[in-house]
């Protein structure tokens, strides 16, 4: 896994409409040494400047209105280089479309700390190459 350089931390964006899940995930990521930016919806995240400050983005694939899967697809078409990890409680459709959506990994909720570390490790490796 790509580690931040000394004095730097990875900033991980989280988009999920469940505030309790977001807070729990943020605490876990912070315990792992990362900073987090939390967004309750894709609309809350829709500011392009945020893309430049993030090492990766964890997105609920099943958000209302604009889904995380739709966001991943749009960012991929815009040639955004931010690595995206999709989170889903029902990964059947999403897993089949992972490459099309440009996601580096898919996490099936509930996921373990080890699965999270592996997924964001892939994202950091991709982020380092951009």
Protein backbone atom coordinates (compact mmCIF):
# COMPACT_ATOMS: atom_id res chain seq x y z
CA UNK A 1 0.00 0.00 0.00
CA UNK A 2 1.24 3.48 -0.79
CA UNK A 3 1.94 5.32 2.44
CA UNK A 4 1.87 9.10 2.78
CA UNK A 5 5.22 10.86 2.87
CA UNK A 6 6.40 11.93 6.30
CA UNK A 7 4.40 14.92 7.48
CA UNK A 8 1.61 14.22 4.98
CA UNK A 9 -1.59 12.29 5.33
CA UNK A 10 -3.98 10.97 2.75
CA UNK A 11 -7.28 12.81 2.56
CA UNK A 12 -10.14 10.44 1.86
CA UNK A 13 -13.51 11.71 0.72
CA UNK A 14 -16.58 9.75 1.85
CA UNK A 15 -19.97 10.17 0.18
CA UNK A 16 -22.77 8.31 1.96
CA UNK A 17 -26.24 9.42 3.02
CA UNK A 18 -26.11 7.53 6.34
CA UNK A 19 -24.55 9.94 8.85
CA UNK A 20 -23.85 7.21 11.42
CA UNK A 21 -22.04 5.10 8.83
CA UNK A 22 -20.06 8.16 7.66
CA UNK A 23 -18.99 9.00 11.21
CA UNK A 24 -18.01 5.41 12.00
CA UNK A 25 -16.02 5.13 8.76
CA UNK A 26 -14.36 8.50 9.42
CA UNK A 27 -13.28 7.37 12.91
CA UNK A 28 -11.81 4.16 11.49
CA UNK A 29 -9.96 6.00 8.73
CA UNK A 30 -8.62 8.52 11.24
CA UNK A 31 -7.41 5.68 13.48
CA UNK A 32 -5.57 4.38 10.41
CA UNK A 33 -3.85 7.77 10.09
CA UNK A 34 -5.93 9.44 7.37
CA UNK A 35 -7.89 12.68 7.20
CA UNK A 36 -11.46 12.57 5.96
CA UNK A 37 -13.92 14.84 4.20
CA UNK A 38 -17.53 13.72 4.63
CA UNK A 39 -20.38 14.43 2.22
CA UNK A 40 -24.01 13.36 2.67
CA UNK A 41 -24.78 13.37 -1.05
CA UNK A 42 -23.25 13.76 -4.48
CA UNK A 43 -24.70 17.30 -4.58
CA UNK A 44 -22.78 18.18 -1.40
CA UNK A 45 -19.62 16.97 -3.11
CA UNK A 46 -20.24 18.65 -6.46
CA UNK A 47 -17.49 21.26 -6.06
CA UNK A 48 -14.61 20.49 -8.47
CA UNK A 49 -11.95 21.99 -6.17
CA UNK A 50 -12.52 19.10 -3.77
CA UNK A 51 -11.22 16.60 -6.32
CA UNK A 52 -7.71 18.05 -6.21
CA UNK A 53 -7.34 17.71 -2.44
CA UNK A 54 -8.43 14.06 -2.19
CA UNK A 55 -6.27 10.95 -2.41
CA UNK A 56 -9.33 8.82 -3.06
CA UNK A 57 -13.09 8.80 -2.78
CA UNK A 58 -15.26 6.19 -1.03
CA UNK A 59 -18.76 6.39 -2.48
CA UNK A 60 -22.00 4.63 -1.63
CA UNK A 61 -23.09 3.14 -4.95
CA UNK A 62 -26.75 3.31 -3.97
CA UNK A 63 -27.25 6.98 -3.15
CA UNK A 64 -30.60 8.55 -3.97
CA UNK A 65 -30.94 11.11 -6.79
CA UNK A 66 -27.47 10.78 -8.35
CA UNK A 67 -26.04 7.42 -7.33
CA UNK A 68 -22.44 6.79 -6.46
CA UNK A 69 -22.25 4.53 -9.50
CA UNK A 70 -23.47 7.42 -11.69
CA UNK A 71 -20.89 9.73 -10.09
CA UNK A 72 -18.11 7.23 -10.76
CA UNK A 73 -19.18 6.96 -14.39
CA UNK A 74 -19.34 10.74 -14.82
CA UNK A 75 -15.93 11.29 -13.22
CA UNK A 76 -14.47 8.60 -15.45
CA UNK A 77 -15.90 10.30 -18.56
CA UNK A 78 -14.52 13.65 -17.36
CA UNK A 79 -11.10 11.99 -17.15
CA UNK A 80 -10.95 12.69 -13.44
CA UNK A 81 -8.00 10.82 -12.05
CA UNK A 82 -9.29 10.49 -8.50
CA UNK A 83 -9.46 6.82 -7.57
CA UNK A 84 -12.94 5.72 -6.52
CA UNK A 85 -13.90 2.86 -4.25
CA UNK A 86 -17.60 2.04 -4.46
CA UNK A 87 -19.39 0.74 -1.39
CA UNK A 88 -22.57 -1.27 -1.84
CA UNK A 89 -24.86 -3.48 0.20
CA UNK A 90 -25.91 -5.19 -3.03
CA UNK A 91 -22.92 -5.51 -5.32
CA UNK A 92 -24.40 -7.67 -8.09
CA UNK A 93 -24.97 -4.91 -10.66
CA UNK A 94 -22.14 -2.70 -9.47
CA UNK A 95 -19.46 -5.41 -9.50
CA UNK A 96 -20.30 -6.28 -13.10
CA UNK A 97 -19.86 -2.61 -14.06
CA UNK A 98 -16.73 -1.88 -11.98
CA UNK A 99 -14.40 -1.34 -14.94
CA UNK A 100 -16.99 0.70 -16.88
CA UNK A 101 -17.50 2.92 -13.82
CA UNK A 102 -13.79 3.42 -13.32
CA UNK A 103 -13.83 2.14 -9.74
CA UNK A 104 -10.59 0.65 -8.42
CA UNK A 105 -12.48 -1.55 -5.96
CA UNK A 106 -15.91 -2.39 -4.63
CA UNK A 107 -16.57 -2.96 -0.95
CA UNK A 108 -19.65 -4.97 0.00
CA UNK A 109 -21.26 -3.55 3.14
CA UNK A 110 -20.61 -4.51 5.82
CA UNK A 111 -16.88 -4.77 5.17
CA UNK A 112 -13.94 -5.48 7.44
CA UNK A 113 -11.08 -3.18 8.32
CA UNK A 114 -8.79 -5.43 6.27
CA UNK A 115 -11.00 -5.14 3.19
CA UNK A 116 -11.09 -1.35 3.62
CA UNK A 117 -7.30 -1.15 3.96
CA UNK A 118 -6.83 -3.29 0.82
CA UNK A 119 -9.29 -1.18 -1.20
CA UNK A 120 -7.83 2.19 -0.22
CA UNK A 121 -4.35 0.74 -0.77
CA UNK A 122 -5.30 0.10 -4.41
CA UNK A 123 -6.67 3.64 -4.61
CA UNK A 124 -3.50 5.17 -3.13
CA UNK A 125 -1.34 3.18 -5.55
CA UNK A 126 -3.39 4.52 -8.45
CA UNK A 127 -3.35 8.05 -7.01
CA UNK A 128 0.45 7.93 -6.72
CA UNK A 129 0.70 7.10 -10.44
CA UNK A 130 -1.34 10.11 -11.55
